[in-house]
Amino acid sequence: ENLMFANGASEIFKLAVDAIKPHKALVTAPSFSGYSHVLKGAGAG
């Protein structure tokens, strides 16, 4: 009941951001660009 599956990890990142709707997020740099990609798409700082 604590698991869910998706079309790759990238879809999980997007679903998490879309569900939480963050105003601001902290991302380490350098790191996977997919985090910033979905955050920018959601309008998060």
All heavy atoms as atom14 arrays in JSON, in Angstrom:
{
  "sequence": "ENLMFANGASEIFKLAVDAIKPHKALVTAPSFSGYSHVLKGAGAG",
  "atom14_mask": [
    [1, 1, 1, 1, 1, 1, 1, 1, 1, 0, 0, 0, 0, 0],
    [1, 1, 1, 1, 1, 1, 1, 1, 0, 0, 0, 0, 0, 0],
    [1, 1, 1, 1, 1, 1, 1, 1, 0, 0, 0, 0, 0, 0],
    [1, 1, 1, 1, 1, 1, 1, 1, 0, 0, 0, 0, 0, 0],
    [1, 1, 1, 1, 1, 1, 1, 1, 1, 1, 1, 0, 0, 0],
    [1, 1, 1, 1, 1, 0, 0, 0, 0, 0, 0, 0, 0, 0],
    [1, 1, 1, 1, 1, 1, 1, 1, 0, 0, 0, 0, 0, 0],
    [1, 1, 1, 1, 0, 0, 0, 0, 0, 0, 0, 0, 0, 0],
    [1, 1, 1, 1, 1, 0, 0, 0, 0, 0, 0, 0, 0, 0],
    [1, 1, 1, 1, 1, 1, 0, 0, 0, 0, 0, 0, 0, 0],
    [1, 1, 1, 1, 1, 1, 1, 1, 1, 0, 0, 0, 0, 0],
    [1, 1, 1, 1, 1, 1, 1, 1, 0, 0, 0, 0, 0, 0],
    [1, 1, 1, 1, 1, 1, 1, 1, 1, 1, 1, 0, 0, 0],
    [1, 1, 1, 1, 1, 1, 1, 1, 1, 0, 0, 0, 0, 0],
    [1, 1, 1, 1, 1, 1, 1, 1, 0, 0, 0, 0, 0, 0],
    [1, 1, 1, 1, 1, 0, 0, 0, 0, 0, 0, 0, 0, 0],
    [1, 1, 1, 1, 1, 1, 1, 0, 0, 0, 0, 0, 0, 0],
    [1, 1, 1, 1, 1, 1, 1, 1, 0, 0, 0, 0, 0, 0],
    [1, 1, 1, 1, 1, 0, 0, 0, 0, 0, 0, 0, 0, 0],
    [1, 1, 1, 1, 1, 1, 1, 1, 0, 0, 0, 0, 0, 0],
    [1, 1, 1, 1, 1, 1, 1, 1, 1, 0, 0, 0, 0, 0],
    [1, 1, 1, 1, 1, 1, 1, 0, 0, 0, 0, 0, 0, 0],
    [1, 1, 1, 1, 1, 1, 1, 1, 1, 1, 0, 0, 0, 0],
    [1, 1, 1, 1, 1, 1, 1, 1, 1, 0, 0, 0, 0, 0],
    [1, 1, 1, 1, 1, 0, 0, 0, 0, 0, 0, 0, 0, 0],
    [1, 1, 1, 1, 1, 1, 1, 1, 0, 0, 0, 0, 0, 0],
    [1, 1, 1, 1, 1, 1, 1, 0, 0, 0, 0, 0, 0, 0],
    [1, 1, 1, 1, 1, 1, 1, 0, 0, 0, 0, 0, 0, 0],
    [1, 1, 1, 1, 1, 0, 0, 0, 0, 0, 0, 0, 0, 0],
    [1, 1, 1, 1, 1, 1, 1, 0, 0, 0, 0, 0, 0, 0],
    [1, 1, 1, 1, 1, 1, 0, 0, 0, 0, 0, 0, 0, 0],
    [1, 1, 1, 1, 1, 1, 1, 1, 1, 1, 1, 0, 0, 0],
    [1, 1, 1, 1, 1, 1, 0, 0, 0, 0, 0, 0, 0, 0],
    [1, 1, 1, 1, 0, 0, 0, 0, 0, 0, 0, 0, 0, 0],
    [1, 1, 1, 1, 1, 1, 1, 1, 1, 1, 1, 1, 0, 0],
    [1, 1, 1, 1, 1, 1, 0, 0, 0, 0, 0, 0, 0, 0],
    [1, 1, 1, 1, 1, 1, 1, 1, 1, 1, 0, 0, 0, 0],
    [1, 1, 1, 1, 1, 1, 1, 0, 0, 0, 0, 0, 0, 0],
    [1, 1, 1, 1, 1, 1, 1, 1, 0, 0, 0, 0, 0, 0],
    [1, 1, 1, 1, 1, 1, 1, 1, 1, 0, 0, 0, 0, 0],
    [1, 1, 1, 1, 0, 0, 0, 0, 0, 0, 0, 0, 0, 0],
    [1, 1, 1, 1, 1, 0, 0, 0, 0, 0, 0, 0, 0, 0],
    [1, 1, 1, 1, 0, 0, 0, 0, 0, 0, 0, 0, 0, 0],
    [1, 1, 1, 1, 1, 0, 0, 0, 0, 0, 0, 0, 0, 0],
    [1, 1, 1, 1, 0, 0, 0, 0, 0, 0, 0, 0, 0, 0]
  ],
  "atom14_positions": [
    [[0.82, -1.22, 0.0], [0.0, 0.0, 0.0], [0.85, 1.27, 0.0], [0.34, 2.38, -0.2], [-0.96, 0.03, 1.19], [-0.29, 0.01, 2.55], [-0.17, -1.41, 3.12], [-0.15, -2.37, 2.32], [-0.12, -1.53, 4.36], [0.0, 0.0, 0.0], [0.0, 0.0, 0.0], [0.0, 0.0, 0.0], [0.0, 0.0, 0.0], [0.0, 0.0, 0.0]],
    [[2.16, 1.12, 0.24], [3.06, 2.26, 0.23], [3.81, 2.41, -1.09], [4.73, 3.23, -1.2], [4.09, 2.16, 1.37], [3.46, 2.21, 2.74], [3.75, 1.4, 3.61], [2.56, 3.17, 2.95], [0.0, 0.0, 0.0], [0.0, 0.0, 0.0], [0.0, 0.0, 0.0], [0.0, 0.0, 0.0], [0.0, 0.0, 0.0], [0.0, 0.0, 0.0]],
    [[3.43, 1.63, -2.09], [4.12, 1.62, -3.37], [3.23, 2.14, -4.48], [2.02, 1.92, -4.47], [4.58, 0.21, -3.73], [5.67, -0.43, -2.86], [5.8, -1.91, -3.19], [7.01, 0.28, -3.07], [0.0, 0.0, 0.0], [0.0, 0.0, 0.0], [0.0, 0.0, 0.0], [0.0, 0.0, 0.0], [0.0, 0.0, 0.0], [0.0, 0.0, 0.0]],
    [[3.84, 2.81, -5.46], [3.15, 3.11, -6.71], [4.16, 3.02, -7.85], [5.38, 3.15, -7.63], [2.48, 4.48, -6.68], [3.4, 5.67, -6.79], [2.48, 7.22, -7.08], [1.85, 6.94, -8.74], [0.0, 0.0, 0.0], [0.0, 0.0, 0.0], [0.0, 0.0, 0.0], [0.0, 0.0, 0.0], [0.0, 0.0, 0.0], [0.0, 0.0, 0.0]],
    [[3.67, 2.81, -9.06], [4.53, 2.58, -10.22], [4.2, 3.57, -11.32], [3.08, 4.06, -11.42], [4.38, 1.13, -10.7], [4.8, 0.14, -9.67], [3.91, -0.26, -8.67], [6.09, -0.34, -9.64], [4.31, -1.15, -7.68], [6.49, -1.23, -8.65], [5.6, -1.63, -7.66], [0.0, 0.0, 0.0], [0.0, 0.0, 0.0], [0.0, 0.0, 0.0]],
    [[5.2, 3.86, -12.14], [5.01, 4.89, -13.15], [5.93, 4.63, -14.35], [6.73, 3.69, -14.36], [5.3, 6.27, -12.56], [0.0, 0.0, 0.0], [0.0, 0.0, 0.0], [0.0, 0.0, 0.0], [0.0, 0.0, 0.0], [0.0, 0.0, 0.0], [0.0, 0.0, 0.0], [0.0, 0.0, 0.0], [0.0, 0.0, 0.0], [0.0, 0.0, 0.0]],
    [[5.78, 5.5, -15.33], [6.55, 5.42, -16.57], [7.95, 6.02, -16.35], [8.27, 7.1, -16.83], [5.8, 6.18, -17.67], [6.43, 6.01, -19.03], [7.24, 6.82, -19.45], [6.04, 4.96, -19.72], [0.0, 0.0, 0.0], [0.0, 0.0, 0.0], [0.0, 0.0, 0.0], [0.0, 0.0, 0.0], [0.0, 0.0, 0.0], [0.0, 0.0, 0.0]],
    [[8.75, 5.32, -15.55], [10.08, 5.81, -15.2], [10.05, 6.71, -13.99], [9.0, 7.2, -13.56], [0.0, 0.0, 0.0], [0.0, 0.0, 0.0], [0.0, 0.0, 0.0], [0.0, 0.0, 0.0], [0.0, 0.0, 0.0], [0.0, 0.0, 0.0], [0.0, 0.0, 0.0], [0.0, 0.0, 0.0], [0.0, 0.0, 0.0], [0.0, 0.0, 0.0]],
    [[11.24, 6.95, -13.41], [11.35, 7.82, -12.24], [10.93, 9.25, -12.57], [10.39, 9.96, -11.73], [12.78, 7.82, -11.72], [0.0, 0.0, 0.0], [0.0, 0.0, 0.0], [0.0, 0.0, 0.0], [0.0, 0.0, 0.0], [0.0, 0.0, 0.0], [0.0, 0.0, 0.0], [0.0, 0.0, 0.0], [0.0, 0.0, 0.0], [0.0, 0.0, 0.0]],
    [[11.13, 9.66, -13.83], [10.78, 11.03, -14.21], [9.31, 11.32, -14.01], [8.93, 12.42, -13.59], [11.17, 11.28, -15.67], [12.57, 11.25, -15.82], [0.0, 0.0, 0.0], [0.0, 0.0, 0.0], [0.0, 0.0, 0.0], [0.0, 0.0, 0.0], [0.0, 0.0, 0.0], [0.0, 0.0, 0.0], [0.0, 0.0, 0.0], [0.0, 0.0, 0.0]],
    [[8.45, 10.34, -14.28], [7.02, 10.55, -14.07], [6.71, 10.67, -12.57], [5.84, 11.45, -12.17], [6.19, 9.43, -14.68], [4.69, 9.73, -14.62], [3.83, 8.65, -15.25], [4.05, 7.45, -14.99], [2.9, 9.03, -15.99], [0.0, 0.0, 0.0], [0.0, 0.0, 0.0], [0.0, 0.0, 0.0], [0.0, 0.0, 0.0], [0.0, 0.0, 0.0]],
    [[7.43, 9.91, -11.75], [7.23, 10.01, -10.29], [7.56, 11.42, -9.82], [6.82, 12.02, -9.02], [8.12, 8.99, -9.55], [7.73, 7.55, -9.91], [8.06, 9.21, -8.06], [6.48, 7.05, -9.27], [0.0, 0.0, 0.0], [0.0, 0.0, 0.0], [0.0, 0.0, 0.0], [0.0, 0.0, 0.0], [0.0, 0.0, 0.0], [0.0, 0.0, 0.0]],
    [[8.68, 11.97, -10.29], [9.06, 13.33, -9.88], [7.96, 14.33, -10.25], [7.6, 15.2, -9.46], [10.37, 13.75, -10.54], [11.56, 12.91, -10.15], [12.45, 12.45, -11.11], [11.79, 12.58, -8.83], [13.54, 11.67, -10.76], [12.88, 11.79, -8.46], [13.76, 11.34, -9.43], [0.0, 0.0, 0.0], [0.0, 0.0, 0.0], [0.0, 0.0, 0.0]],
    [[7.43, 14.19, -11.44], [6.38, 15.12, -11.88], [5.11, 14.95, -11.06], [4.48, 15.94, -10.65], [6.07, 14.91, -13.36], [4.92, 15.78, -13.86], [4.79, 15.79, -15.34], [3.52, 16.53, -15.79], [3.4, 17.88, -15.21], [0.0, 0.0, 0.0], [0.0, 0.0, 0.0], [0.0, 0.0, 0.0], [0.0, 0.0, 0.0], [0.0, 0.0, 0.0]],
    [[4.72, 13.7, -10.8], [3.51, 13.46, -10.03], [3.65, 14.01, -8.61], [2.7, 14.59, -8.06], [3.21, 11.96, -9.98], [2.78, 11.32, -11.31], [2.72, 9.81, -11.18], [1.43, 11.87, -11.77], [0.0, 0.0, 0.0], [0.0, 0.0, 0.0], [0.0, 0.0, 0.0], [0.0, 0.0, 0.0], [0.0, 0.0, 0.0], [0.0, 0.0, 0.0]],
    [[4.82, 13.85, -8.02], [5.04, 14.36, -6.66], [4.94, 15.88, -6.63], [4.3, 16.46, -5.74], [6.41, 13.91, -6.14], [0.0, 0.0, 0.0], [0.0, 0.0, 0.0], [0.0, 0.0, 0.0], [0.0, 0.0, 0.0], [0.0, 0.0, 0.0], [0.0, 0.0, 0.0], [0.0, 0.0, 0.0], [0.0, 0.0, 0.0], [0.0, 0.0, 0.0]],
    [[5.56, 16.53, -7.61], [5.51, 17.99, -7.67], [4.09, 18.48, -7.95], [3.61, 19.42, -7.31], [6.49, 18.52, -8.75], [6.25, 20.0, -9.03], [7.93, 18.31, -8.29], [0.0, 0.0, 0.0], [0.0, 0.0, 0.0], [0.0, 0.0, 0.0], [0.0, 0.0, 0.0], [0.0, 0.0, 0.0], [0.0, 0.0, 0.0], [0.0, 0.0, 0.0]],
    [[3.4, 17.82, -8.86], [2.03, 18.23, -9.19], [1.09, 18.05, -7.99], [0.15, 18.83, -7.81], [1.51, 17.43, -10.38], [2.16, 17.86, -11.69], [2.81, 18.92, -11.7], [2.01, 17.14, -12.7], [0.0, 0.0, 0.0], [0.0, 0.0, 0.0], [0.0, 0.0, 0.0], [0.0, 0.0, 0.0], [0.0, 0.0, 0.0], [0.0, 0.0, 0.0]],
    [[1.34, 17.01, -7.19], [0.47, 16.75, -6.04], [0.75, 17.71, -4.88], [-0.16, 18.16, -4.2], [0.65, 15.3, -5.57], [0.0, 0.0, 0.0], [0.0, 0.0, 0.0], [0.0, 0.0, 0.0], [0.0, 0.0, 0.0], [0.0, 0.0, 0.0], [0.0, 0.0, 0.0], [0.0, 0.0, 0.0], [0.0, 0.0, 0.0], [0.0, 0.0, 0.0]],
    [[2.02, 18.03, -4.68], [2.4, 18.89, -3.55], [2.24, 20.37, -3.88], [1.93, 21.18, -3.01], [3.85, 18.56, -3.11], [3.91, 17.14, -2.53], [4.38, 19.58, -2.09], [5.31, 16.6, -2.36], [0.0, 0.0, 0.0], [0.0, 0.0, 0.0], [0.0, 0.0, 0.0], [0.0, 0.0, 0.0], [0.0, 0.0, 0.0], [0.0, 0.0, 0.0]],
    [[2.47, 20.71, -5.16], [2.39, 22.1, -5.61], [3.3, 23.02, -4.78], [2.84, 23.99, -4.13], [0.95, 22.61, -5.56], [0.01, 21.93, -6.55], [-1.4, 22.51, -6.47], [-2.29, 21.96, -7.57], [-2.41, 20.49, -7.55], [0.0, 0.0, 0.0], [0.0, 0.0, 0.0], [0.0, 0.0, 0.0], [0.0, 0.0, 0.0], [0.0, 0.0, 0.0]],
    [[4.6, 22.76, -4.77], [5.51, 23.57, -3.96], [5.64, 25.0, -4.5], [5.61, 25.22, -5.71], [6.83, 22.81, -4.07], [6.75, 22.14, -5.41], [5.32, 21.74, -5.57], [0.0, 0.0, 0.0], [0.0, 0.0, 0.0], [0.0, 0.0, 0.0], [0.0, 0.0, 0.0], [0.0, 0.0, 0.0], [0.0, 0.0, 0.0], [0.0, 0.0, 0.0]],
    [[5.8, 25.93, -3.59], [6.09, 27.31, -3.98], [7.59, 27.49, -4.18], [8.03, 28.25, -5.04], [5.59, 28.29, -2.91], [4.1, 28.29, -2.77], [3.27, 28.8, -3.73], [3.3, 27.82, -1.78], [2.01, 28.66, -3.34], [2.0, 28.07, -2.16], [0.0, 0.0, 0.0], [0.0, 0.0, 0.0], [0.0, 0.0, 0.0], [0.0, 0.0, 0.0]],
    [[8.36, 26.76, -3.37], [9.82, 26.88, -3.44], [10.45, 25.54, -3.11], [9.99, 24.82, -2.22], [10.31, 27.95, -2.46], [11.79, 28.3, -2.59], [12.22, 29.29, -1.52], [11.54, 30.64, -1.7], [12.03, 31.63, -0.7], [0.0, 0.0, 0.0], [0.0, 0.0, 0.0], [0.0, 0.0, 0.0], [0.0, 0.0, 0.0], [0.0, 0.0, 0.0]],
    [[11.51, 25.19, -3.83], [12.19, 23.91, -3.61], [13.69, 24.11, -3.57], [14.23, 25.03, -4.2], [11.82, 22.9, -4.7], [0.0, 0.0, 0.0], [0.0, 0.0, 0.0], [0.0, 0.0, 0.0], [0.0, 0.0, 0.0], [0.0, 0.0, 0.0], [0.0, 0.0, 0.0], [0.0, 0.0, 0.0], [0.0, 0.0, 0.0], [0.0, 0.0, 0.0]],
    [[14.37, 23.24, -2.83], [15.83, 23.23, -2.79], [16.33, 22.03, -3.56], [15.88, 20.9, -3.33], [16.33, 23.17, -1.35], [17.87, 23.18, -1.21], [18.43, 24.56, -1.53], [18.29, 22.76, 0.2], [0.0, 0.0, 0.0], [0.0, 0.0, 0.0], [0.0, 0.0, 0.0], [0.0, 0.0, 0.0], [0.0, 0.0, 0.0], [0.0, 0.0, 0.0]],
    [[17.27, 22.27, -4.48], [17.86, 21.22, -5.3], [19.37, 21.32, -5.19], [19.92, 22.42, -5.24], [17.43, 21.36, -6.78], [18.11, 20.31, -7.65], [15.91, 21.25, -6.91], [0.0, 0.0, 0.0], [0.0, 0.0, 0.0], [0.0, 0.0, 0.0], [0.0, 0.0, 0.0], [0.0, 0.0, 0.0], [0.0, 0.0, 0.0], [0.0, 0.0, 0.0]],
    [[20.05, 20.2, -5.0], [21.51, 20.25, -4.98], [22.04, 20.42, -6.4], [21.41, 20.02, -7.37], [22.1, 18.97, -4.36], [21.67, 17.83, -5.12], [21.68, 18.81, -2.92], [0.0, 0.0, 0.0], [0.0, 0.0, 0.0], [0.0, 0.0, 0.0], [0.0, 0.0, 0.0], [0.0, 0.0, 0.0], [0.0, 0.0, 0.0], [0.0, 0.0, 0.0]],
    [[23.21, 21.03, -6.51], [23.83, 21.23, -7.82], [25.32, 20.93, -7.72], [25.98, 21.41, -6.81], [23.62, 22.67, -8.28], [0.0, 0.0, 0.0], [0.0, 0.0, 0.0], [0.0, 0.0, 0.0], [0.0, 0.0, 0.0], [0.0, 0.0, 0.0], [0.0, 0.0, 0.0], [0.0, 0.0, 0.0], [0.0, 0.0, 0.0], [0.0, 0.0, 0.0]],
    [[25.83, 20.07, -8.61], [25.11, 19.45, -9.72], [24.28, 18.26, -9.27], [24.63, 17.56, -8.33], [26.25, 19.0, -10.65], [27.37, 18.69, -9.71], [27.28, 19.72, -8.62], [0.0, 0.0, 0.0], [0.0, 0.0, 0.0], [0.0, 0.0, 0.0], [0.0, 0.0, 0.0], [0.0, 0.0, 0.0], [0.0, 0.0, 0.0], [0.0, 0.0, 0.0]],
    [[23.18, 18.04, -9.98], [22.38, 16.82, -9.8], [21.47, 16.67, -11.01], [21.48, 17.51, -11.91], [21.58, 16.85, -8.49], [20.64, 17.9, -8.5], [0.0, 0.0, 0.0], [0.0, 0.0, 0.0], [0.0, 0.0, 0.0], [0.0, 0.0, 0.0], [0.0, 0.0, 0.0], [0.0, 0.0, 0.0], [0.0, 0.0, 0.0], [0.0, 0.0, 0.0]],
    [[20.67, 15.63, -11.02], [19.82, 15.3, -12.15], [18.93, 16.49, -12.53], [18.22, 17.06, -11.69], [18.96, 14.09, -11.78], [18.0, 13.65, -12.85], [18.43, 13.43, -14.16], [16.67, 13.44, -12.55], [17.55, 13.02, -15.14], [15.77, 13.02, -13.51], [16.21, 12.81, -14.82], [0.0, 0.0, 0.0], [0.0, 0.0, 0.0], [0.0, 0.0, 0.0]],
    [[18.96, 16.85, -13.81], [18.21, 18.03, -14.27], [16.7, 17.81, -14.25], [15.94, 18.78, -14.33], [18.64, 18.39, -15.7], [18.35, 17.33, -16.6], [0.0, 0.0, 0.0], [0.0, 0.0, 0.0], [0.0, 0.0, 0.0], [0.0, 0.0, 0.0], [0.0, 0.0, 0.0], [0.0, 0.0, 0.0], [0.0, 0.0, 0.0], [0.0, 0.0, 0.0]],
    [[16.26, 16.56, -14.13], [14.84, 16.27, -14.12], [14.08, 16.93, -12.98], [12.9, 17.25, -13.12], [0.0, 0.0, 0.0], [0.0, 0.0, 0.0], [0.0, 0.0, 0.0], [0.0, 0.0, 0.0], [0.0, 0.0, 0.0], [0.0, 0.0, 0.0], [0.0, 0.0, 0.0], [0.0, 0.0, 0.0], [0.0, 0.0, 0.0], [0.0, 0.0, 0.0]],
    [[14.76, 17.14, -11.86], [14.09, 17.8, -10.72], [13.71, 19.24, -11.1], [12.56, 19.66, -10.92], [15.0, 17.84, -9.48], [15.73, 16.57, -9.14], [17.03, 16.6, -8.65], [15.13, 15.32, -9.31], [17.71, 15.45, -8.32], [15.81, 14.16, -8.98], [17.1, 14.23, -8.5], [17.78, 13.08, -8.19], [0.0, 0.0, 0.0], [0.0, 0.0, 0.0]],
    [[14.68, 19.98, -11.6], [14.43, 21.36, -11.98], [13.42, 21.44, -13.13], [12.6, 22.36, -13.19], [15.73, 22.05, -12.39], [16.63, 22.09, -11.3], [0.0, 0.0, 0.0], [0.0, 0.0, 0.0], [0.0, 0.0, 0.0], [0.0, 0.0, 0.0], [0.0, 0.0, 0.0], [0.0, 0.0, 0.0], [0.0, 0.0, 0.0], [0.0, 0.0, 0.0]],
    [[13.49, 20.46, -14.01], [12.58, 20.44, -15.17], [11.12, 20.42, -14.72], [10.3, 21.23, -15.19], [12.89, 19.22, -16.03], [11.98, 19.04, -17.2], [12.07, 19.83, -18.33], [10.96, 18.17, -17.42], [11.14, 19.45, -19.19], [10.45, 18.46, -18.67], [0.0, 0.0, 0.0], [0.0, 0.0, 0.0], [0.0, 0.0, 0.0], [0.0, 0.0, 0.0]],
    [[10.78, 19.52, -13.79], [9.38, 19.42, -13.37], [9.01, 20.58, -12.45], [7.86, 21.04, -12.46], [9.09, 18.06, -12.69], [9.25, 16.93, -13.68], [9.97, 17.82, -11.47], [0.0, 0.0, 0.0], [0.0, 0.0, 0.0], [0.0, 0.0, 0.0], [0.0, 0.0, 0.0], [0.0, 0.0, 0.0], [0.0, 0.0, 0.0], [0.0, 0.0, 0.0]],
    [[9.95, 21.07, -11.67], [9.66, 22.21, -10.78], [9.37, 23.47, -11.6], [8.43, 24.21, -11.31], [10.84, 22.45, -9.83], [10.99, 21.42, -8.7], [12.38, 21.54, -8.06], [9.91, 21.59, -7.64], [0.0, 0.0, 0.0], [0.0, 0.0, 0.0], [0.0, 0.0, 0.0], [0.0, 0.0, 0.0], [0.0, 0.0, 0.0], [0.0, 0.0, 0.0]],
    [[10.17, 23.7, -12.62], [9.93, 24.86, -13.48], [8.59, 24.73, -14.19], [7.85, 25.71, -14.34], [11.06, 24.99, -14.51], [12.38, 25.45, -13.92], [13.49, 25.46, -14.96], [14.82, 25.86, -14.35], [15.92, 25.78, -15.34], [0.0, 0.0, 0.0], [0.0, 0.0, 0.0], [0.0, 0.0, 0.0], [0.0, 0.0, 0.0], [0.0, 0.0, 0.0]],
    [[8.27, 23.51, -14.63], [7.0, 23.29, -15.31], [5.81, 23.58, -14.41], [4.74, 23.96, -14.89], [0.0, 0.0, 0.0], [0.0, 0.0, 0.0], [0.0, 0.0, 0.0], [0.0, 0.0, 0.0], [0.0, 0.0, 0.0], [0.0, 0.0, 0.0], [0.0, 0.0, 0.0], [0.0, 0.0, 0.0], [0.0, 0.0, 0.0], [0.0, 0.0, 0.0]],
    [[6.0, 23.4, -13.09], [4.92, 23.65, -12.13], [4.94, 25.09, -11.61], [4.11, 25.46, -10.78], [5.04, 22.68, -10.97], [0.0, 0.0, 0.0], [0.0, 0.0, 0.0], [0.0, 0.0, 0.0], [0.0, 0.0, 0.0], [0.0, 0.0, 0.0], [0.0, 0.0, 0.0], [0.0, 0.0, 0.0], [0.0, 0.0, 0.0], [0.0, 0.0, 0.0]],
    [[5.89, 25.88, -12.08], [5.96, 27.28, -11.66], [6.56, 27.49, -10.28], [6.4, 28.56, -9.68], [0.0, 0.0, 0.0], [0.0, 0.0, 0.0], [0.0, 0.0, 0.0], [0.0, 0.0, 0.0], [0.0, 0.0, 0.0], [0.0, 0.0, 0.0], [0.0, 0.0, 0.0], [0.0, 0.0, 0.0], [0.0, 0.0, 0.0], [0.0, 0.0, 0.0]],
    [[7.28, 26.47, -9.77], [7.89, 26.58, -8.44], [9.21, 27.35, -8.51], [9.94, 27.25, -9.5], [8.13, 25.19, -7.86], [0.0, 0.0, 0.0], [0.0, 0.0, 0.0], [0.0, 0.0, 0.0], [0.0, 0.0, 0.0], [0.0, 0.0, 0.0], [0.0, 0.0, 0.0], [0.0, 0.0, 0.0], [0.0, 0.0, 0.0], [0.0, 0.0, 0.0]],
    [[9.51, 28.07, -7.46], [10.81, 28.7, -7.36], [11.86, 27.67, -6.96], [11.57, 26.74, -6.21], [0.0, 0.0, 0.0], [0.0, 0.0, 0.0], [0.0, 0.0, 0.0], [0.0, 0.0, 0.0], [0.0, 0.0, 0.0], [0.0, 0.0, 0.0], [0.0, 0.0, 0.0], [0.0, 0.0, 0.0], [0.0, 0.0, 0.0], [0.0, 0.0, 0.0]]
  ]
}
